[in-house]
Amino acid sequence: MVLSNIFLSHVVLIMFVYELILRITDKIISLRPSIYFLWSLKYGEVAGDNPWHATGLEWQTTSPPPTHNFHETPVVDFHLS
């Protein structure tokens, strides 16, 4: 009976420590995006108007877009293939 109580107390202690480690690492991992965001605000490069060299219409204007995005209304040619 005494051995089983000692064994159970060790199991409970191990489970407690395991749960504590999981909670601490979860908090650290959940802070990583915030830390990276703050770091990139201070040290990150400023993206240009079209950083991915996309060809879509929304990427053909400046960033931030002016009140009237284009001087003339662009013609969009769309064909389903």
C-alpha atoms as a PDB file:
ATOM      1  CA  MET A   1       0.000   0.000   0.000  1.00  0.00           C
ATOM      2  CA  VAL A   2       2.795   2.425   0.864  1.00  0.00           C
ATOM      3  CA  LEU A   3       4.655   1.640  -2.365  1.00  0.00           C
ATOM      4  CA  SER A   4       1.562   2.225  -4.446  1.00  0.00           C
ATOM      5  CA  ASN A   5       1.006   5.618  -2.772  1.00  0.00           C
ATOM      6  CA  ILE A   6       4.617   6.615  -3.437  1.00  0.00           C
ATOM      7  CA  PHE A   7       4.309   5.443  -7.037  1.00  0.00           C
ATOM      8  CA  LEU A   8       1.065   7.383  -7.515  1.00  0.00           C
ATOM      9  CA  SER A   9       2.552  10.530  -5.997  1.00  0.00           C
ATOM     10  CA  HIS A  10       5.479  10.297  -8.436  1.00  0.00           C
ATOM     11  CA  VAL A  11       3.120   9.783 -11.352  1.00  0.00           C
ATOM     12  CA  VAL A  12       1.073  12.788 -10.292  1.00  0.00           C
ATOM     13  CA  LEU A  13       4.235  14.879  -9.931  1.00  0.00           C
ATOM     14  CA  ILE A  14       5.469  13.816 -13.373  1.00  0.00           C
ATOM     15  CA  MET A  15       2.091  14.631 -14.910  1.00  0.00           C
ATOM     16  CA  PHE A  16       2.110  18.037 -13.202  1.00  0.00           C
ATOM     17  CA  VAL A  17       5.600  18.875 -14.460  1.00  0.00           C
ATOM     18  CA  TYR A  18       4.698  17.668 -17.948  1.00  0.00           C
ATOM     19  CA  GLU A  19       1.564  19.844 -17.990  1.00  0.00           C
ATOM     20  CA  LEU A  20       3.554  22.818 -16.703  1.00  0.00           C
ATOM     21  CA  ILE A  21       6.171  22.398 -19.443  1.00  0.00           C
ATOM     22  CA  LEU A  22       3.445  22.147 -22.076  1.00  0.00           C
ATOM     23  CA  ARG A  23       1.765  25.324 -20.855  1.00  0.00           C
ATOM     24  CA  ILE A  24       5.034  27.272 -20.759  1.00  0.00           C
ATOM     25  CA  THR A  25       6.095  26.178 -24.249  1.00  0.00           C
ATOM     26  CA  ASP A  26       2.610  26.935 -25.556  1.00  0.00           C
ATOM     27  CA  LYS A  27       2.900  30.510 -24.248  1.00  0.00           C
ATOM     28  CA  ILE A  28       6.355  30.915 -25.780  1.00  0.00           C
ATOM     29  CA  ILE A  29       5.209  29.553 -29.143  1.00  0.00           C
ATOM     30  CA  SER A  30       2.142  31.785 -29.148  1.00  0.00           C
ATOM     31  CA  LEU A  31       4.376  34.837 -28.596  1.00  0.00           C
ATOM     32  CA  ARG A  32       6.636  34.061 -31.576  1.00  0.00           C
ATOM     33  CA  PRO A  33       4.417  35.690 -34.258  1.00  0.00           C
ATOM     34  CA  SER A  34       4.130  38.863 -32.174  1.00  0.00           C
ATOM     35  CA  ILE A  35       7.876  39.005 -31.616  1.00  0.00           C
ATOM     36  CA  TYR A  36       8.553  38.441 -35.330  1.00  0.00           C
ATOM     37  CA  PHE A  37       6.001  41.122 -36.258  1.00  0.00           C
ATOM     38  CA  LEU A  38       7.640  43.698 -33.988  1.00  0.00           C
ATOM     39  CA  TRP A  39      11.101  42.737 -35.236  1.00  0.00           C
ATOM     40  CA  SER A  40      10.049  43.063 -38.882  1.00  0.00           C
ATOM     41  CA  LEU A  41       8.486  46.476 -38.242  1.00  0.00           C
ATOM     42  CA  LYS A  42      11.824  47.752 -36.979  1.00  0.00           C
ATOM     43  CA  TYR A  43      14.332  45.866 -39.153  1.00  0.00           C
ATOM     44  CA  GLY A  44      12.362  44.515 -42.131  1.00  0.00           C
ATOM     45  CA  GLU A  45      12.631  45.768 -45.688  1.00  0.00           C
ATOM     46  CA  VAL A  46       9.902  48.014 -47.062  1.00  0.00           C
ATOM     47  CA  ALA A  47       8.004  46.206 -49.808  1.00  0.00           C
ATOM     48  CA  GLY A  48       7.629  47.947 -53.141  1.00  0.00           C
ATOM     49  CA  ASP A  49       4.456  48.438 -55.176  1.00  0.00           C
ATOM     50  CA  ASN A  50       4.589  44.907 -56.605  1.00  0.00           C
ATOM     51  CA  PRO A  51       6.930  42.750 -54.490  1.00  0.00           C
ATOM     52  CA  TRP A  52       5.843  39.455 -56.122  1.00  0.00           C
ATOM     53  CA  HIS A  53       5.921  40.756 -59.721  1.00  0.00           C
ATOM     54  CA  ALA A  54       2.288  39.729 -60.104  1.00  0.00           C
ATOM     55  CA  THR A  55       0.423  40.511 -63.313  1.00  0.00           C
ATOM     56  CA  GLY A  56      -3.049  41.032 -61.832  1.00  0.00           C
ATOM     57  CA  LEU A  57      -4.807  44.345 -62.273  1.00  0.00           C
ATOM     58  CA  GLU A  58      -4.681  45.193 -58.572  1.00  0.00           C
ATOM     59  CA  TRP A  59      -0.871  45.113 -58.700  1.00  0.00           C
ATOM     60  CA  GLN A  60      -0.571  47.533 -61.627  1.00  0.00           C
ATOM     61  CA  THR A  61      -1.190  50.636 -59.487  1.00  0.00           C
ATOM     62  CA  THR A  62       0.949  52.207 -56.783  1.00  0.00           C
ATOM     63  CA  SER A  63       0.755  51.330 -53.119  1.00  0.00           C
ATOM     64  CA  PRO A  64      -1.142  52.871 -51.413  1.00  0.00           C
ATOM     65  CA  PRO A  65      -3.438  53.446 -54.371  1.00  0.00           C
ATOM     66  CA  PRO A  66      -4.425  56.988 -55.289  1.00  0.00           C
ATOM     67  CA  THR A  67      -8.071  58.101 -55.164  1.00  0.00           C
ATOM     68  CA  HIS A  68      -8.541  57.172 -58.819  1.00  0.00           C
ATOM     69  CA  ASN A  69      -6.310  54.158 -59.403  1.00  0.00           C
ATOM     70  CA  PHE A  70      -5.861  54.577 -63.162  1.00  0.00           C
ATOM     71  CA  HIS A  71      -5.831  57.615 -65.441  1.00  0.00           C
ATOM     72  CA  GLU A  72      -7.878  55.659 -67.974  1.00  0.00           C
ATOM     73  CA  THR A  73     -10.137  52.684 -67.314  1.00  0.00           C
ATOM     74  CA  PRO A  74      -8.065  49.585 -68.136  1.00  0.00           C
ATOM     75  CA  VAL A  75      -9.389  47.014 -70.575  1.00  0.00           C
ATOM     76  CA  VAL A  76      -9.491  43.512 -69.127  1.00  0.00           C
ATOM     77  CA  ASP A  77      -9.424  40.704 -71.671  1.00  0.00           C
ATOM     78  CA  PHE A  78     -10.726  37.498 -70.077  1.00  0.00           C
ATOM     79  CA  HIS A  79     -11.168  34.185 -71.862  1.00  0.00           C
ATOM     80  CA  LEU A  80     -12.050  30.811 -70.398  1.00  0.00           C
ATOM     81  CA  SER A  81      -9.921  28.113 -71.927  1.00  0.00           C
END
